[in-house]
Amino acid sequence: METQQGDFWQSLRDLRKSSTDKKIAGVCGGFGEHTPVPAWLWRALFLGLIFLWGAGLIAYAVLWICMPAADEARVSSSNDPNRKTSAIQHTES
């Protein structure tokens, strides 16, 4: 049970907006890339929730603001001092 919860929280940490599969901001595309549910189904879910008291619009707006972009994930990981990289050594002839 502990590993399932750990996997869930890890997948939430990895959640990013999509840079390739986006119609508005990439929120549903990001969910589609990081979950087994396809992006079109996430879009249908948010659209359905918009017609139910506007909850989908509020949730989408919050996620649009709070979810990091896919590009930011690459930039932040490249600036991470704990990240292991191989050093390239240049030799002059």
Foldseek 3Di string as FASTA:
>chain_A
DVVVVVVVVVLVVVQAFEPPDDDDQRNLVSVCVSDVDHSVVVVVVLVVVCVVVHPSVVVVVVCSVPGHHPVVVVVVQVVDPPDDDDDDDDDDD
